N, C-alpha and C. Protein backbone atom coordinates (compact mmCIF):
# COMPACT_ATOMS: atom_id res chain seq x y z
N MET A 1 0.84 -1.18 0.00
CA MET A 1 0.00 0.00 0.00
C MET A 1 0.89 1.24 0.00
N ASP A 2 0.56 2.22 -0.86
CA ASP A 2 1.34 3.45 -0.96
C ASP A 2 0.84 4.43 0.10
N THR A 3 1.70 4.78 1.04
CA THR A 3 1.33 5.72 2.10
C THR A 3 2.00 7.06 1.90
N SER A 4 2.63 7.27 0.74
CA SER A 4 3.28 8.56 0.50
C SER A 4 2.22 9.62 0.25
N LEU A 5 2.60 10.85 0.57
CA LEU A 5 1.69 11.96 0.36
C LEU A 5 1.67 12.33 -1.12
N PRO A 6 0.52 12.79 -1.62
CA PRO A 6 0.47 13.19 -3.02
C PRO A 6 1.31 14.44 -3.26
N ARG A 7 1.84 14.56 -4.47
CA ARG A 7 2.55 15.77 -4.85
C ARG A 7 1.52 16.88 -5.01
N SER A 8 1.96 18.10 -4.77
CA SER A 8 1.08 19.25 -4.96
C SER A 8 1.54 20.01 -6.19
N GLY A 9 0.86 19.85 -7.28
CA GLY A 9 1.18 20.56 -8.50
C GLY A 9 0.41 21.86 -8.56
N ALA A 10 0.33 22.44 -9.74
CA ALA A 10 -0.41 23.69 -9.92
C ALA A 10 -1.85 23.46 -9.47
N GLY A 11 -2.29 24.27 -8.52
CA GLY A 11 -3.64 24.15 -8.01
C GLY A 11 -3.82 23.00 -7.03
N GLY A 12 -2.74 22.25 -6.73
CA GLY A 12 -2.82 21.12 -5.81
C GLY A 12 -2.87 21.57 -4.37
N MET A 13 -3.33 20.68 -3.53
CA MET A 13 -3.47 20.98 -2.11
C MET A 13 -2.21 20.58 -1.35
N ILE A 14 -1.77 21.43 -0.47
CA ILE A 14 -0.66 21.10 0.41
C ILE A 14 -1.21 20.35 1.60
N ILE A 15 -0.62 19.20 1.88
CA ILE A 15 -1.09 18.33 2.96
C ILE A 15 0.01 18.22 4.00
N LEU A 16 -0.38 18.30 5.27
CA LEU A 16 0.56 18.11 6.37
C LEU A 16 0.03 17.00 7.26
N GLN A 17 0.93 16.15 7.72
CA GLN A 17 0.61 15.16 8.74
C GLN A 17 1.16 15.70 10.06
N ASN A 18 0.33 15.65 11.10
CA ASN A 18 0.69 16.24 12.38
C ASN A 18 0.99 15.18 13.43
N ASP A 19 1.94 15.51 14.28
CA ASP A 19 2.23 14.75 15.49
C ASP A 19 2.25 15.78 16.60
N GLY A 20 1.05 16.18 17.05
CA GLY A 20 0.95 17.29 18.00
C GLY A 20 1.38 18.57 17.31
N ALA A 21 2.32 19.29 17.92
CA ALA A 21 2.81 20.52 17.32
C ALA A 21 3.75 20.27 16.15
N ALA A 22 4.29 19.08 16.05
CA ALA A 22 5.28 18.77 15.01
C ALA A 22 4.62 18.38 13.69
N VAL A 23 5.33 18.65 12.61
CA VAL A 23 4.94 18.18 11.28
C VAL A 23 5.67 16.86 11.06
N SER A 24 4.92 15.78 10.88
CA SER A 24 5.55 14.48 10.70
C SER A 24 5.65 14.08 9.23
N GLY A 25 4.96 14.81 8.36
CA GLY A 25 5.05 14.55 6.93
C GLY A 25 4.32 15.63 6.16
N THR A 26 4.77 15.89 4.95
CA THR A 26 4.11 16.88 4.10
C THR A 26 4.52 16.68 2.65
N ASN A 27 3.64 17.09 1.76
CA ASN A 27 3.97 17.09 0.34
C ASN A 27 4.44 18.47 -0.12
N TYR A 28 4.58 19.40 0.81
CA TYR A 28 4.96 20.78 0.49
C TYR A 28 6.28 20.86 -0.28
N TRP A 29 7.29 20.09 0.13
CA TRP A 29 8.63 20.23 -0.44
C TRP A 29 8.66 19.96 -1.93
N ASP A 30 7.72 19.17 -2.44
CA ASP A 30 7.66 18.87 -3.87
C ASP A 30 6.57 19.66 -4.58
N SER A 31 6.07 20.69 -3.93
CA SER A 31 4.97 21.47 -4.50
C SER A 31 5.50 22.62 -5.37
N ASP A 32 4.64 23.11 -6.23
CA ASP A 32 4.98 24.27 -7.04
C ASP A 32 5.29 25.49 -6.18
N PRO A 33 4.52 25.78 -5.12
CA PRO A 33 4.85 26.94 -4.28
C PRO A 33 6.25 26.83 -3.65
N ALA A 34 6.64 25.65 -3.18
CA ALA A 34 7.97 25.49 -2.59
C ALA A 34 9.05 25.69 -3.65
N ARG A 35 8.85 25.11 -4.82
CA ARG A 35 9.84 25.28 -5.90
C ARG A 35 9.96 26.75 -6.31
N ALA A 36 8.85 27.49 -6.20
CA ALA A 36 8.85 28.91 -6.57
C ALA A 36 9.40 29.80 -5.46
N GLY A 37 9.68 29.22 -4.27
CA GLY A 37 10.25 29.99 -3.17
C GLY A 37 9.27 30.59 -2.21
N TYR A 38 8.04 30.05 -2.16
CA TYR A 38 7.03 30.57 -1.23
C TYR A 38 7.00 29.76 0.06
N CYS A 39 7.02 30.46 1.19
CA CYS A 39 6.87 29.81 2.49
C CYS A 39 5.42 29.37 2.68
N TYR A 40 5.21 28.49 3.65
CA TYR A 40 3.87 28.03 4.00
C TYR A 40 3.76 28.04 5.52
N LEU A 41 2.64 28.53 6.04
CA LEU A 41 2.42 28.64 7.48
C LEU A 41 1.25 27.74 7.87
N SER A 42 1.49 26.87 8.84
CA SER A 42 0.46 25.94 9.30
C SER A 42 0.34 26.05 10.82
N PHE A 43 -0.86 25.82 11.32
CA PHE A 43 -1.12 25.90 12.75
C PHE A 43 -1.68 24.57 13.25
N ASN A 44 -1.16 24.10 14.38
CA ASN A 44 -1.72 22.92 15.02
C ASN A 44 -1.21 22.84 16.46
N ALA A 45 -2.04 22.44 17.36
CA ALA A 45 -1.68 22.14 18.75
C ALA A 45 -0.91 23.28 19.41
N GLY A 46 -1.37 24.52 19.21
CA GLY A 46 -0.74 25.67 19.84
C GLY A 46 0.57 26.10 19.21
N ALA A 47 0.86 25.61 18.03
CA ALA A 47 2.11 25.95 17.36
C ALA A 47 1.84 26.49 15.96
N ALA A 48 2.72 27.40 15.56
CA ALA A 48 2.77 27.86 14.17
C ALA A 48 3.99 27.21 13.56
N ARG A 49 3.80 26.54 12.43
CA ARG A 49 4.91 25.86 11.77
C ARG A 49 5.17 26.57 10.45
N LEU A 50 6.35 27.14 10.30
CA LEU A 50 6.73 27.85 9.09
C LEU A 50 7.60 26.92 8.25
N LEU A 51 7.11 26.58 7.07
CA LEU A 51 7.85 25.73 6.15
C LEU A 51 8.59 26.64 5.18
N VAL A 52 9.91 26.52 5.20
CA VAL A 52 10.78 27.39 4.42
C VAL A 52 11.29 26.62 3.20
N PRO A 53 11.04 27.12 2.00
CA PRO A 53 11.46 26.40 0.80
C PRO A 53 12.98 26.47 0.61
N PRO A 54 13.54 25.54 -0.16
CA PRO A 54 14.99 25.52 -0.37
C PRO A 54 15.61 26.85 -0.78
N PRO A 55 14.99 27.64 -1.67
CA PRO A 55 15.63 28.91 -2.04
C PRO A 55 15.79 29.89 -0.87
N LEU A 56 14.97 29.75 0.17
CA LEU A 56 15.03 30.67 1.31
C LEU A 56 15.74 30.09 2.53
N GLU A 57 16.24 28.86 2.44
CA GLU A 57 16.89 28.25 3.59
C GLU A 57 18.03 29.08 4.17
N PRO A 58 18.82 29.80 3.38
CA PRO A 58 19.87 30.63 3.98
C PRO A 58 19.34 31.67 4.97
N ALA A 59 18.07 32.07 4.84
CA ALA A 59 17.47 33.05 5.75
C ALA A 59 17.23 32.49 7.15
N ILE A 60 17.28 31.19 7.30
CA ILE A 60 17.05 30.60 8.63
C ILE A 60 18.09 31.10 9.62
N GLY A 61 19.30 31.39 9.15
CA GLY A 61 20.32 31.97 10.03
C GLY A 61 19.86 33.29 10.61
N ALA A 62 19.26 34.15 9.79
CA ALA A 62 18.75 35.44 10.28
C ALA A 62 17.56 35.23 11.21
N MET A 63 16.75 34.23 10.95
CA MET A 63 15.61 33.93 11.82
C MET A 63 16.08 33.49 13.20
N SER A 64 17.21 32.79 13.25
CA SER A 64 17.69 32.20 14.50
C SER A 64 18.15 33.23 15.52
N THR A 65 18.32 34.48 15.12
CA THR A 65 18.74 35.52 16.08
C THR A 65 17.56 36.07 16.88
N ALA A 66 16.34 35.64 16.53
CA ALA A 66 15.13 36.18 17.18
C ALA A 66 15.02 35.73 18.62
N ARG A 67 14.49 36.63 19.44
CA ARG A 67 14.12 36.30 20.81
C ARG A 67 12.64 35.94 20.89
N LEU A 68 11.87 36.47 19.94
CA LEU A 68 10.42 36.29 19.90
C LEU A 68 9.97 36.40 18.45
N VAL A 69 9.01 35.57 18.07
CA VAL A 69 8.42 35.65 16.74
C VAL A 69 7.01 36.21 16.91
N ILE A 70 6.74 37.30 16.22
CA ILE A 70 5.43 37.94 16.30
C ILE A 70 4.68 37.66 15.00
N ILE A 71 3.56 36.95 15.13
CA ILE A 71 2.73 36.66 13.97
C ILE A 71 1.54 37.60 14.02
N SER A 72 1.45 38.46 13.01
CA SER A 72 0.37 39.44 12.93
C SER A 72 -0.54 39.08 11.77
N ARG A 73 -1.83 39.16 12.01
CA ARG A 73 -2.82 38.94 10.96
C ARG A 73 -3.54 40.24 10.69
N GLY A 74 -3.62 40.61 9.41
CA GLY A 74 -4.32 41.83 9.05
C GLY A 74 -4.48 41.92 7.55
N ALA A 75 -5.11 42.99 7.11
CA ALA A 75 -5.26 43.24 5.68
C ALA A 75 -3.88 43.58 5.10
N TRP A 76 -3.72 43.34 3.81
CA TRP A 76 -2.48 43.67 3.11
C TRP A 76 -2.86 44.53 1.90
N PRO A 77 -3.13 45.81 2.16
CA PRO A 77 -3.64 46.68 1.10
C PRO A 77 -2.75 46.74 -0.14
N GLU A 78 -1.43 46.71 0.04
CA GLU A 78 -0.52 46.78 -1.10
C GLU A 78 -0.72 45.63 -2.08
N ARG A 79 -1.20 44.50 -1.57
CA ARG A 79 -1.43 43.33 -2.42
C ARG A 79 -2.93 43.05 -2.62
N GLU A 80 -3.75 44.02 -2.19
CA GLU A 80 -5.20 43.91 -2.32
C GLU A 80 -5.73 42.62 -1.68
N ARG A 81 -5.21 42.34 -0.47
CA ARG A 81 -5.62 41.15 0.29
C ARG A 81 -6.38 41.58 1.53
N ARG A 82 -7.46 40.92 1.80
CA ARG A 82 -8.24 41.19 3.01
C ARG A 82 -7.58 40.56 4.22
N ASP A 83 -6.93 39.42 4.03
CA ASP A 83 -6.27 38.72 5.13
C ASP A 83 -4.89 38.26 4.69
N ALA A 84 -3.93 38.48 5.58
CA ALA A 84 -2.56 38.04 5.33
C ALA A 84 -1.85 37.94 6.68
N TYR A 85 -0.67 37.35 6.65
CA TYR A 85 0.15 37.21 7.85
C TYR A 85 1.50 37.89 7.67
N GLU A 86 1.97 38.44 8.77
CA GLU A 86 3.34 38.92 8.87
C GLU A 86 4.01 38.07 9.95
N VAL A 87 5.17 37.52 9.64
CA VAL A 87 5.93 36.73 10.60
C VAL A 87 7.23 37.49 10.84
N LEU A 88 7.31 38.13 12.01
CA LEU A 88 8.42 39.02 12.36
C LEU A 88 9.31 38.33 13.39
N PHE A 89 10.56 38.14 13.03
CA PHE A 89 11.53 37.50 13.92
C PHE A 89 12.24 38.58 14.72
N GLU A 90 11.62 38.98 15.84
CA GLU A 90 12.08 40.11 16.64
C GLU A 90 13.39 39.77 17.35
N ASP A 91 14.44 40.49 16.97
CA ASP A 91 15.76 40.25 17.56
C ASP A 91 16.30 41.48 18.27
N GLY A 92 15.47 42.52 18.41
CA GLY A 92 15.90 43.73 19.09
C GLY A 92 16.65 44.70 18.19
N SER A 93 16.85 44.34 16.93
CA SER A 93 17.56 45.23 16.01
C SER A 93 16.56 46.16 15.32
N ASN A 94 17.09 47.08 14.55
CA ASN A 94 16.24 47.97 13.76
C ASN A 94 15.77 47.33 12.46
N ASN A 95 16.27 46.13 12.17
CA ASN A 95 15.94 45.47 10.91
C ASN A 95 15.76 43.96 11.11
N PRO A 96 14.75 43.55 11.90
CA PRO A 96 14.54 42.11 12.11
C PRO A 96 14.06 41.43 10.84
N TYR A 97 14.34 40.15 10.72
CA TYR A 97 13.89 39.38 9.56
C TYR A 97 12.37 39.28 9.60
N CYS A 98 11.73 39.42 8.45
CA CYS A 98 10.28 39.42 8.38
C CYS A 98 9.81 38.80 7.07
N ILE A 99 8.72 38.06 7.14
CA ILE A 99 8.10 37.44 5.97
C ILE A 99 6.63 37.85 5.95
N HIS A 100 6.12 38.17 4.77
CA HIS A 100 4.69 38.44 4.58
C HIS A 100 4.10 37.34 3.71
N LEU A 101 2.96 36.83 4.15
CA LEU A 101 2.31 35.71 3.47
C LEU A 101 0.85 36.02 3.21
N GLY A 102 0.39 35.73 2.00
CA GLY A 102 -1.04 35.81 1.72
C GLY A 102 -1.76 34.68 2.43
N ALA A 103 -3.04 34.83 2.65
CA ALA A 103 -3.83 33.81 3.36
C ALA A 103 -3.74 32.45 2.68
N GLU A 104 -3.54 32.44 1.36
CA GLU A 104 -3.45 31.17 0.63
C GLU A 104 -2.15 30.43 0.92
N GLN A 105 -1.21 31.07 1.59
CA GLN A 105 0.04 30.45 1.99
C GLN A 105 -0.05 29.90 3.41
N SER A 106 -1.26 29.68 3.88
CA SER A 106 -1.51 29.17 5.22
C SER A 106 -2.67 28.18 5.18
N ASP A 107 -2.70 27.29 6.17
CA ASP A 107 -3.80 26.33 6.20
C ASP A 107 -5.03 26.85 6.92
N ARG A 108 -4.92 28.00 7.57
CA ARG A 108 -6.09 28.57 8.24
C ARG A 108 -5.81 29.99 8.72
N LEU A 109 -6.88 30.69 9.03
CA LEU A 109 -6.78 32.01 9.65
C LEU A 109 -7.13 31.84 11.13
N LEU A 110 -6.21 32.22 11.99
CA LEU A 110 -6.51 32.13 13.41
C LEU A 110 -7.57 33.14 13.78
N PRO A 111 -8.43 32.80 14.71
CA PRO A 111 -9.54 33.69 15.05
C PRO A 111 -9.10 34.91 15.84
N VAL A 112 -9.94 35.92 15.79
CA VAL A 112 -9.70 37.17 16.52
C VAL A 112 -9.54 36.89 18.02
N GLU A 113 -10.25 35.89 18.52
CA GLU A 113 -10.21 35.56 19.95
C GLU A 113 -8.81 35.14 20.40
N ASP A 114 -7.95 34.73 19.48
CA ASP A 114 -6.59 34.32 19.83
C ASP A 114 -5.62 35.49 19.95
N HIS A 115 -6.09 36.72 19.70
CA HIS A 115 -5.24 37.90 19.81
C HIS A 115 -4.56 37.93 21.18
N GLY A 116 -3.25 38.10 21.18
CA GLY A 116 -2.48 38.16 22.42
C GLY A 116 -1.97 36.82 22.89
N ALA A 117 -2.31 35.76 22.19
CA ALA A 117 -1.94 34.40 22.64
C ALA A 117 -0.46 34.12 22.47
N ASP A 118 0.07 33.35 23.41
CA ASP A 118 1.41 32.79 23.26
C ASP A 118 1.32 31.64 22.27
N ILE A 119 2.35 31.50 21.45
CA ILE A 119 2.35 30.44 20.44
C ILE A 119 3.79 29.97 20.25
N LEU A 120 3.95 28.69 20.08
CA LEU A 120 5.25 28.13 19.76
C LEU A 120 5.44 28.24 18.26
N VAL A 121 6.61 28.69 17.82
CA VAL A 121 6.90 28.81 16.40
C VAL A 121 8.01 27.81 16.06
N ILE A 122 7.73 26.94 15.11
CA ILE A 122 8.69 25.93 14.67
C ILE A 122 8.99 26.19 13.20
N VAL A 123 10.26 26.32 12.88
CA VAL A 123 10.68 26.55 11.50
C VAL A 123 11.23 25.25 10.93
N TYR A 124 10.72 24.89 9.75
CA TYR A 124 11.14 23.66 9.07
C TYR A 124 11.79 23.99 7.74
N ALA A 125 12.78 23.19 7.38
CA ALA A 125 13.33 23.15 6.03
C ALA A 125 13.15 21.72 5.56
N ARG A 126 13.53 21.44 4.33
CA ARG A 126 13.31 20.10 3.78
C ARG A 126 13.89 19.01 4.68
N GLY A 127 15.01 19.26 5.32
CA GLY A 127 15.64 18.26 6.17
C GLY A 127 14.99 18.07 7.53
N GLY A 128 13.99 18.87 7.87
CA GLY A 128 13.31 18.73 9.16
C GLY A 128 13.31 20.03 9.95
N GLU A 129 13.04 19.89 11.23
CA GLU A 129 12.95 21.06 12.11
C GLU A 129 14.29 21.74 12.23
N ARG A 130 14.27 23.09 12.14
CA ARG A 130 15.50 23.88 12.27
C ARG A 130 15.51 24.78 13.49
N LEU A 131 14.34 25.32 13.86
CA LEU A 131 14.26 26.26 14.99
C LEU A 131 12.96 26.06 15.76
N ARG A 132 13.04 26.32 17.07
CA ARG A 132 11.85 26.43 17.93
C ARG A 132 12.01 27.72 18.70
N LEU A 133 11.03 28.59 18.57
CA LEU A 133 11.11 29.90 19.22
C LEU A 133 9.77 30.25 19.86
N PRO A 134 9.80 31.03 20.94
CA PRO A 134 8.53 31.51 21.51
C PRO A 134 7.92 32.55 20.57
N GLY A 135 6.60 32.60 20.57
CA GLY A 135 5.93 33.56 19.71
C GLY A 135 4.69 34.14 20.36
N LYS A 136 4.19 35.17 19.71
CA LYS A 136 2.94 35.83 20.11
C LYS A 136 2.12 36.05 18.85
N TYR A 137 0.80 36.05 19.02
CA TYR A 137 -0.12 36.26 17.91
C TYR A 137 -0.94 37.51 18.17
N ARG A 138 -1.13 38.30 17.12
CA ARG A 138 -1.95 39.51 17.27
C ARG A 138 -2.70 39.81 15.98
N ILE A 139 -3.77 40.56 16.17
CA ILE A 139 -4.56 41.08 15.05
C ILE A 139 -4.17 42.55 14.89
N VAL A 140 -3.88 42.94 13.65
CA VAL A 140 -3.54 44.33 13.36
C VAL A 140 -4.43 44.83 12.23
N ASP A 141 -4.51 46.13 12.08
CA ASP A 141 -5.32 46.68 11.00
C ASP A 141 -4.76 46.30 9.64
N ALA A 142 -3.43 46.40 9.51
CA ALA A 142 -2.82 46.13 8.21
C ALA A 142 -1.38 45.70 8.38
N ILE A 143 -0.90 44.94 7.41
CA ILE A 143 0.52 44.62 7.30
C ILE A 143 1.03 45.31 6.04
N PRO A 144 2.27 45.68 5.99
CA PRO A 144 3.29 45.49 7.02
C PRO A 144 2.99 46.27 8.30
N CYS A 145 3.25 45.62 9.42
CA CYS A 145 3.10 46.22 10.73
C CYS A 145 4.49 46.56 11.29
N LEU A 146 5.34 45.53 11.36
CA LEU A 146 6.75 45.67 11.74
C LEU A 146 6.98 46.29 13.12
N LYS A 147 6.00 46.20 13.99
CA LYS A 147 6.14 46.77 15.33
C LYS A 147 6.53 45.68 16.32
N PRO A 148 7.37 46.03 17.31
CA PRO A 148 7.69 45.06 18.35
C PRO A 148 6.46 44.77 19.19
N TRP A 149 6.55 43.71 19.98
CA TRP A 149 5.45 43.32 20.85
C TRP A 149 5.34 44.32 21.98
N GLU A 150 4.13 44.84 22.20
CA GLU A 150 3.90 45.77 23.30
C GLU A 150 3.59 44.97 24.56
N THR A 151 4.42 45.15 25.59
CA THR A 151 4.19 44.43 26.84
C THR A 151 3.36 45.25 27.82
N ARG A 152 3.15 46.54 27.51
CA ARG A 152 2.34 47.38 28.40
C ARG A 152 0.87 47.08 28.20
N LYS A 153 0.12 47.19 29.26
CA LYS A 153 -1.34 46.99 29.19
C LYS A 153 -2.03 48.28 28.85
């Protein structure tokens, strides 16, 4: 019996197999979006899993300097998107590494009720897990937001 995941071609669906917060299998690496250099963001069991395609793997070094990953959901007017994500790898510098993703580059939109939630962020490359970092989730009016996490009430 073939238990391999289907390839995701043009218009194909990206499938992830979950083991709690971990990704135990996916067809993403052989998908058209991965070959084109697009990241994919998936949520499960209190974790955000960022799948980084081979062309962007060198950026994982810049991501690793982060103390906190801030995932912001908001409109992306520049791209005429009602919903999108910003993944900001906050390292305390004036130029932290940041990725913007359209909603189609994610398996779901987290609800407004999750605003302010702590979230585990796991970064994957084709070879497996590369980083685990603490994160926070927020709703913003629009991205790019690029603001640090506000700890004041």
